[in-house]
Amino acid sequence: KGIFLWDHCLALEQSTEEECLYKIADN
């Protein structure tokens, strides 16, 4: 549950096809 950044275009250097979802906040 929460608010997430989905780097679906892989703009961040750390993002990969498998790991591109980052939690921002719990609600």
PDB file of all heavy atoms in Angstrom:
ATOM      1  N   LYS A   1       0.849  -1.191   0.000  1.00  0.00           N
ATOM      2  CA  LYS A   1       0.000   0.000   0.000  1.00  0.00           C
ATOM      3  C   LYS A   1       0.881   1.236   0.000  1.00  0.00           C
ATOM      4  O   LYS A   1       1.924   1.258   0.649  1.00  0.00           O
ATOM      5  CB  LYS A   1      -0.892   0.036   1.244  1.00  0.00           C
ATOM      6  CG  LYS A   1      -1.979  -1.005   1.289  1.00  0.00           C
ATOM      7  CD  LYS A   1      -2.807  -0.828   2.542  1.00  0.00           C
ATOM      8  CE  LYS A   1      -3.944  -1.723   2.780  1.00  0.00           C
ATOM      9  NZ  LYS A   1      -4.482  -2.662   1.992  1.00  0.00           N
ATOM     10  N   GLY A   2       0.434   2.240  -0.730  1.00  0.00           N
ATOM     11  CA  GLY A   2       1.136   3.513  -0.686  1.00  0.00           C
ATOM     12  C   GLY A   2       1.161   4.216  -2.022  1.00  0.00           C
ATOM     13  O   GLY A   2       0.478   3.843  -2.970  1.00  0.00           O
ATOM     14  N   ILE A   3       1.996   5.258  -2.058  1.00  0.00           N
ATOM     15  CA  ILE A   3       2.210   6.051  -3.255  1.00  0.00           C
ATOM     16  C   ILE A   3       3.612   5.718  -3.767  1.00  0.00           C
ATOM     17  O   ILE A   3       4.572   5.712  -2.995  1.00  0.00           O
ATOM     18  CB  ILE A   3       2.093   7.567  -2.953  1.00  0.00           C
ATOM     19  CG1 ILE A   3       0.777   7.893  -2.249  1.00  0.00           C
ATOM     20  CG2 ILE A   3       2.271   8.377  -4.228  1.00  0.00           C
ATOM     21  CD1 ILE A   3      -0.484   7.541  -3.026  1.00  0.00           C
ATOM     22  N   PHE A   4       3.704   5.454  -5.071  1.00  0.00           N
ATOM     23  CA  PHE A   4       4.948   4.977  -5.668  1.00  0.00           C
ATOM     24  C   PHE A   4       5.290   5.762  -6.926  1.00  0.00           C
ATOM     25  O   PHE A   4       4.403   6.254  -7.623  1.00  0.00           O
ATOM     26  CB  PHE A   4       4.810   3.491  -6.051  1.00  0.00           C
ATOM     27  CG  PHE A   4       4.640   2.579  -4.890  1.00  0.00           C
ATOM     28  CD1 PHE A   4       3.399   2.432  -4.285  1.00  0.00           C
ATOM     29  CD2 PHE A   4       5.709   1.866  -4.384  1.00  0.00           C
ATOM     30  CE1 PHE A   4       3.229   1.580  -3.204  1.00  0.00           C
ATOM     31  CE2 PHE A   4       5.549   1.013  -3.300  1.00  0.00           C
ATOM     32  CZ  PHE A   4       4.303   0.876  -2.708  1.00  0.00           C
ATOM     33  N   LEU A   5       6.578   5.820  -7.224  1.00  0.00           N
ATOM     34  CA  LEU A   5       7.055   6.295  -8.516  1.00  0.00           C
ATOM     35  C   LEU A   5       7.260   5.070  -9.388  1.00  0.00           C
ATOM     36  O   LEU A   5       7.925   4.107  -8.990  1.00  0.00           O
ATOM     37  CB  LEU A   5       8.383   7.042  -8.371  1.00  0.00           C
ATOM     38  CG  LEU A   5       9.058   7.398  -9.697  1.00  0.00           C
ATOM     39  CD1 LEU A   5       8.266   8.466 -10.444  1.00  0.00           C
ATOM     40  CD2 LEU A   5      10.487   7.836  -9.477  1.00  0.00           C
ATOM     41  N   TRP A   6       6.684   5.092 -10.574  1.00  0.00           N
ATOM     42  CA  TRP A   6       6.879   4.025 -11.555  1.00  0.00           C
ATOM     43  C   TRP A   6       7.727   4.590 -12.684  1.00  0.00           C
ATOM     44  O   TRP A   6       7.250   5.357 -13.512  1.00  0.00           O
ATOM     45  CB  TRP A   6       5.519   3.542 -12.068  1.00  0.00           C
ATOM     46  CG  TRP A   6       5.586   2.460 -13.107  1.00  0.00           C
ATOM     47  CD1 TRP A   6       6.523   1.479 -13.224  1.00  0.00           C
ATOM     48  CD2 TRP A   6       4.650   2.241 -14.160  1.00  0.00           C
ATOM     49  NE1 TRP A   6       6.226   0.667 -14.292  1.00  0.00           N
ATOM     50  CE2 TRP A   6       5.085   1.108 -14.885  1.00  0.00           C
ATOM     51  CE3 TRP A   6       3.487   2.889 -14.563  1.00  0.00           C
ATOM     52  CZ2 TRP A   6       4.397   0.619 -15.988  1.00  0.00           C
ATOM     53  CZ3 TRP A   6       2.803   2.403 -15.661  1.00  0.00           C
ATOM     54  CH2 TRP A   6       3.251   1.272 -16.354  1.00  0.00           C
ATOM     55  N   ASP A   7       8.984   4.230 -12.693  1.00  0.00           N
ATOM     56  CA  ASP A   7       9.924   4.692 -13.714  1.00  0.00           C
ATOM     57  C   ASP A   7       9.825   3.757 -14.918  1.00  0.00           C
ATOM     58  O   ASP A   7      10.765   3.051 -15.270  1.00  0.00           O
ATOM     59  CB  ASP A   7      11.338   4.730 -13.134  1.00  0.00           C
ATOM     60  CG  ASP A   7      12.370   5.247 -14.116  1.00  0.00           C
ATOM     61  OD1 ASP A   7      11.983   5.886 -15.122  1.00  0.00           O
ATOM     62  OD2 ASP A   7      13.566   4.988 -13.888  1.00  0.00           O
ATOM     63  N   HIS A   8       8.660   3.770 -15.561  1.00  0.00           N
ATOM     64  CA  HIS A   8       8.383   2.844 -16.664  1.00  0.00           C
ATOM     65  C   HIS A   8       9.231   3.116 -17.903  1.00  0.00           C
ATOM     66  O   HIS A   8       9.396   2.240 -18.743  1.00  0.00           O
ATOM     67  CB  HIS A   8       6.890   2.885 -17.017  1.00  0.00           C
ATOM     68  CG  HIS A   8       6.418   4.197 -17.534  1.00  0.00           C
ATOM     69  ND1 HIS A   8       6.412   5.324 -16.745  1.00  0.00           N
ATOM     70  CD2 HIS A   8       5.972   4.576 -18.745  1.00  0.00           C
ATOM     71  CE1 HIS A   8       5.972   6.347 -17.465  1.00  0.00           C
ATOM     72  NE2 HIS A   8       5.687   5.914 -18.674  1.00  0.00           N
ATOM     73  N   CYS A   9       9.800   4.293 -18.017  1.00  0.00           N
ATOM     74  CA  CYS A   9      10.670   4.629 -19.160  1.00  0.00           C
ATOM     75  C   CYS A   9      12.151   4.424 -18.832  1.00  0.00           C
ATOM     76  O   CYS A   9      13.015   4.689 -19.657  1.00  0.00           O
ATOM     77  CB  CYS A   9      10.444   6.072 -19.585  1.00  0.00           C
ATOM     78  SG  CYS A   9       8.794   6.373 -20.229  1.00  0.00           S
ATOM     79  N   LEU A  10      12.408   3.970 -17.604  1.00  0.00           N
ATOM     80  CA  LEU A  10      13.775   3.703 -17.131  1.00  0.00           C
ATOM     81  C   LEU A  10      14.668   4.944 -17.228  1.00  0.00           C
ATOM     82  O   LEU A  10      15.809   4.880 -17.676  1.00  0.00           O
ATOM     83  CB  LEU A  10      14.389   2.518 -17.888  1.00  0.00           C
ATOM     84  CG  LEU A  10      13.553   1.228 -17.889  1.00  0.00           C
ATOM     85  CD1 LEU A  10      14.238   0.148 -18.692  1.00  0.00           C
ATOM     86  CD2 LEU A  10      13.229   0.770 -16.486  1.00  0.00           C
ATOM     87  N   ALA A  11      14.141   6.058 -16.768  1.00  0.00           N
ATOM     88  CA  ALA A  11      14.872   7.321 -16.797  1.00  0.00           C
ATOM     89  C   ALA A  11      15.955   7.386 -15.717  1.00  0.00           C
ATOM     90  O   ALA A  11      16.972   8.058 -15.897  1.00  0.00           O
ATOM     91  CB  ALA A  11      13.901   8.492 -16.626  1.00  0.00           C
ATOM     92  N   LEU A  12      15.740   6.698 -14.603  1.00  0.00           N
ATOM     93  CA  LEU A  12      16.726   6.697 -13.522  1.00  0.00           C
ATOM     94  C   LEU A  12      17.794   5.651 -13.813  1.00  0.00           C
ATOM     95  O   LEU A  12      17.493   4.545 -14.270  1.00  0.00           O
ATOM     96  CB  LEU A  12      16.056   6.393 -12.184  1.00  0.00           C
ATOM     97  CG  LEU A  12      15.021   7.408 -11.709  1.00  0.00           C
ATOM     98  CD1 LEU A  12      14.286   6.895 -10.483  1.00  0.00           C
ATOM     99  CD2 LEU A  12      15.678   8.744 -11.423  1.00  0.00           C
ATOM    100  N   GLU A  13      19.024   6.002 -13.530  1.00  0.00           N
ATOM    101  CA  GLU A  13      20.154   5.110 -13.807  1.00  0.00           C
ATOM    102  C   GLU A  13      19.984   3.747 -13.135  1.00  0.00           C
ATOM    103  O   GLU A  13      20.351   2.715 -13.697  1.00  0.00           O
ATOM    104  CB  GLU A  13      21.443   5.778 -13.312  1.00  0.00           C
ATOM    105  CG  GLU A  13      22.699   5.041 -13.662  1.00  0.00           C
ATOM    106  CD  GLU A  13      23.931   5.800 -13.214  1.00  0.00           C
ATOM    107  OE1 GLU A  13      23.984   7.029 -13.409  1.00  0.00           O
ATOM    108  OE2 GLU A  13      24.829   5.147 -12.663  1.00  0.00           O
ATOM    109  N   GLN A  14      19.404   3.715 -11.937  1.00  0.00           N
ATOM    110  CA  GLN A  14      19.260   2.479 -11.179  1.00  0.00           C
ATOM    111  C   GLN A  14      18.120   1.601 -11.675  1.00  0.00           C
ATOM    112  O   GLN A  14      18.025   0.430 -11.317  1.00  0.00           O
ATOM    113  CB  GLN A  14      19.018   2.782  -9.695  1.00  0.00           C
ATOM    114  CG  GLN A  14      20.144   3.508  -9.020  1.00  0.00           C
ATOM    115  CD  GLN A  14      20.072   5.025  -9.203  1.00  0.00           C
ATOM    116  OE1 GLN A  14      19.401   5.548 -10.085  1.00  0.00           O
ATOM    117  NE2 GLN A  14      20.802   5.750  -8.375  1.00  0.00           N
ATOM    118  N   SER A  15      17.201   2.133 -12.459  1.00  0.00           N
ATOM    119  CA  SER A  15      16.009   1.382 -12.866  1.00  0.00           C
ATOM    120  C   SER A  15      16.340   0.323 -13.914  1.00  0.00           C
ATOM    121  O   SER A  15      17.176   0.530 -14.788  1.00  0.00           O
ATOM    122  CB  SER A  15      14.951   2.327 -13.442  1.00  0.00           C
ATOM    123  OG  SER A  15      14.443   3.160 -12.435  1.00  0.00           O
ATOM    124  N   THR A  16      15.659  -0.800 -13.778  1.00  0.00           N
ATOM    125  CA  THR A  16      15.733  -1.881 -14.760  1.00  0.00           C
ATOM    126  C   THR A  16      14.303  -2.298 -15.073  1.00  0.00           C
ATOM    127  O   THR A  16      13.362  -1.879 -14.390  1.00  0.00           O
ATOM    128  CB  THR A  16      16.496  -3.098 -14.209  1.00  0.00           C
ATOM    129  OG1 THR A  16      15.753  -3.656 -13.114  1.00  0.00           O
ATOM    130  CG2 THR A  16      17.901  -2.726 -13.752  1.00  0.00           C
ATOM    131  N   GLU A  17      14.131  -3.141 -16.064  1.00  0.00           N
ATOM    132  CA  GLU A  17      12.792  -3.651 -16.390  1.00  0.00           C
ATOM    133  C   GLU A  17      12.153  -4.313 -15.174  1.00  0.00           C
ATOM    134  O   GLU A  17      10.953  -4.224 -14.969  1.00  0.00           O
ATOM    135  CB  GLU A  17      12.858  -4.648 -17.551  1.00  0.00           C
ATOM    136  CG  GLU A  17      13.169  -4.037 -18.880  1.00  0.00           C
ATOM    137  CD  GLU A  17      12.005  -3.268 -19.479  1.00  0.00           C
ATOM    138  OE1 GLU A  17      10.834  -3.589 -19.187  1.00  0.00           O
ATOM    139  OE2 GLU A  17      12.267  -2.328 -20.243  1.00  0.00           O
ATOM    140  N   GLU A  18      12.956  -4.984 -14.357  1.00  0.00           N
ATOM    141  CA  GLU A  18      12.443  -5.709 -13.192  1.00  0.00           C
ATOM    142  C   GLU A  18      12.286  -4.822 -11.958  1.00  0.00           C
ATOM    143  O   GLU A  18      11.453  -5.086 -11.101  1.00  0.00           O
ATOM    144  CB  GLU A  18      13.372  -6.886 -12.831  1.00  0.00           C
ATOM    145  CG  GLU A  18      13.461  -7.963 -13.878  1.00  0.00           C
ATOM    146  CD  GLU A  18      14.374  -7.596 -15.055  1.00  0.00           C
ATOM    147  OE1 GLU A  18      15.322  -6.801 -14.863  1.00  0.00           O
ATOM    148  OE2 GLU A  18      14.113  -8.076 -16.174  1.00  0.00           O
ATOM    149  N   GLU A  19      13.108  -3.789 -11.837  1.00  0.00           N
ATOM    150  CA  GLU A  19      13.115  -2.924 -10.650  1.00  0.00           C
ATOM    151  C   GLU A  19      12.956  -1.465 -11.063  1.00  0.00           C
ATOM    152  O   GLU A  19      13.945  -0.764 -11.302  1.00  0.00           O
ATOM    153  CB  GLU A  19      14.418  -3.098  -9.870  1.00  0.00           C
ATOM    154  CG  GLU A  19      14.605  -4.466  -9.248  1.00  0.00           C
ATOM    155  CD  GLU A  19      13.687  -4.696  -8.059  1.00  0.00           C
ATOM    156  OE1 GLU A  19      13.379  -3.731  -7.331  1.00  0.00           O
ATOM    157  OE2 GLU A  19      13.283  -5.850  -7.874  1.00  0.00           O
ATOM    158  N   CYS A  20      11.704  -1.022 -11.153  1.00  0.00           N
ATOM    159  CA  CYS A  20      11.479   0.383 -11.545  1.00  0.00           C
ATOM    160  C   CYS A  20      10.329   1.006 -10.757  1.00  0.00           C
ATOM    161  O   CYS A  20       9.744   1.999 -11.172  1.00  0.00           O
ATOM    162  CB  CYS A  20      11.238   0.480 -13.049  1.00  0.00           C
ATOM    163  SG  CYS A  20       9.864  -0.502 -13.647  1.00  0.00           S
ATOM    164  N   LEU A  21      10.029   0.425  -9.607  1.00  0.00           N
ATOM    165  CA  LEU A  21       8.960   0.921  -8.743  1.00  0.00           C
ATOM    166  C   LEU A  21       9.579   1.334  -7.415  1.00  0.00           C
ATOM    167  O   LEU A  21      10.288   0.539  -6.780  1.00  0.00           O
ATOM    168  CB  LEU A  21       7.915  -0.183  -8.531  1.00  0.00           C
ATOM    169  CG  LEU A  21       6.614   0.216  -7.863  1.00  0.00           C
ATOM    170  CD1 LEU A  21       5.827   1.172  -8.757  1.00  0.00           C
ATOM    171  CD2 LEU A  21       5.787  -1.025  -7.562  1.00  0.00           C
ATOM    172  N   TYR A  22       9.320   2.587  -6.999  1.00  0.00           N
ATOM    173  CA  TYR A  22       9.942   3.135  -5.797  1.00  0.00           C
ATOM    174  C   TYR A  22       8.874   3.741  -4.897  1.00  0.00           C
ATOM    175  O   TYR A  22       8.100   4.590  -5.332  1.00  0.00           O
ATOM    176  CB  TYR A  22      10.965   4.213  -6.174  1.00  0.00           C
ATOM    177  CG  TYR A  22      12.000   3.724  -7.149  1.00  0.00           C
ATOM    178  CD1 TYR A  22      11.845   3.938  -8.515  1.00  0.00           C
ATOM    179  CD2 TYR A  22      13.123   3.042  -6.711  1.00  0.00           C
ATOM    180  CE1 TYR A  22      12.795   3.489  -9.426  1.00  0.00           C
ATOM    181  CE2 TYR A  22      14.082   2.582  -7.608  1.00  0.00           C
ATOM    182  CZ  TYR A  22      13.905   2.809  -8.967  1.00  0.00           C
ATOM    183  OH  TYR A  22      14.850   2.351  -9.858  1.00  0.00           O
ATOM    184  N   LYS A  23       8.876   3.327  -3.643  1.00  0.00           N
ATOM    185  CA  LYS A  23       7.884   3.854  -2.698  1.00  0.00           C
ATOM    186  C   LYS A  23       8.230   5.285  -2.313  1.00  0.00           C
ATOM    187  O   LYS A  23       9.365   5.612  -2.000  1.00  0.00           O
ATOM    188  CB  LYS A  23       7.799   2.984  -1.451  1.00  0.00           C
ATOM    189  CG  LYS A  23       6.621   3.366  -0.573  1.00  0.00           C
ATOM    190  CD  LYS A  23       6.301   2.308   0.445  1.00  0.00           C
ATOM    191  CE  LYS A  23       4.981   2.622   1.127  1.00  0.00           C
ATOM    192  NZ  LYS A  23       4.619   1.552   2.058  1.00  0.00           N
ATOM    193  N   ILE A  24       7.199   6.134  -2.350  1.00  0.00           N
ATOM    194  CA  ILE A  24       7.353   7.539  -1.973  1.00  0.00           C
ATOM    195  C   ILE A  24       6.783   7.784  -0.579  1.00  0.00           C
ATOM    196  O   ILE A  24       7.405   8.438   0.249  1.00  0.00           O
ATOM    197  CB  ILE A  24       6.622   8.459  -2.981  1.00  0.00           C
ATOM    198  CG1 ILE A  24       7.133   8.230  -4.392  1.00  0.00           C
ATOM    199  CG2 ILE A  24       6.780   9.920  -2.567  1.00  0.00           C
ATOM    200  CD1 ILE A  24       6.271   8.882  -5.468  1.00  0.00           C
ATOM    201  N   ALA A  25       5.569   7.265  -0.325  1.00  0.00           N
ATOM    202  CA  ALA A  25       4.896   7.523   0.954  1.00  0.00           C
ATOM    203  C   ALA A  25       3.911   6.396   1.252  1.00  0.00           C
ATOM    204  O   ALA A  25       3.481   5.679   0.344  1.00  0.00           O
ATOM    205  CB  ALA A  25       4.157   8.853   0.903  1.00  0.00           C
ATOM    206  N   ASP A  26       3.529   6.277   2.515  1.00  0.00           N
ATOM    207  CA  ASP A  26       2.601   5.230   2.945  1.00  0.00           C
ATOM    208  C   ASP A  26       1.161   5.499   2.524  1.00  0.00           C
ATOM    209  O   ASP A  26       0.368   4.573   2.417  1.00  0.00           O
ATOM    210  CB  ASP A  26       2.643   5.054   4.466  1.00  0.00           C
ATOM    211  CG  ASP A  26       3.946   4.425   4.926  1.00  0.00           C
ATOM    212  OD1 ASP A  26       4.572   3.687   4.142  1.00  0.00           O
ATOM    213  OD2 ASP A  26       4.343   4.682   6.084  1.00  0.00           O
ATOM    214  N   ASN A  27       0.820   6.782   2.320  1.00  0.00           N
ATOM    215  CA  ASN A  27      -0.552   7.125   1.937  1.00  0.00           C
ATOM    216  C   ASN A  27      -0.547   8.456   1.195  1.00  0.00           C
ATOM    217  O   ASN A  27       0.481   9.135   1.114  1.00  0.00           O
ATOM    218  CB  ASN A  27      -1.475   7.168   3.165  1.00  0.00           C
ATOM    219  CG  ASN A  27      -0.975   8.145   4.214  1.00  0.00           C
ATOM    220  OD1 ASN A  27      -0.799   9.329   3.940  1.00  0.00           O
ATOM    221  ND2 ASN A  27      -0.738   7.649   5.416  1.00  0.00           N
TER     222      ASN A  27
END
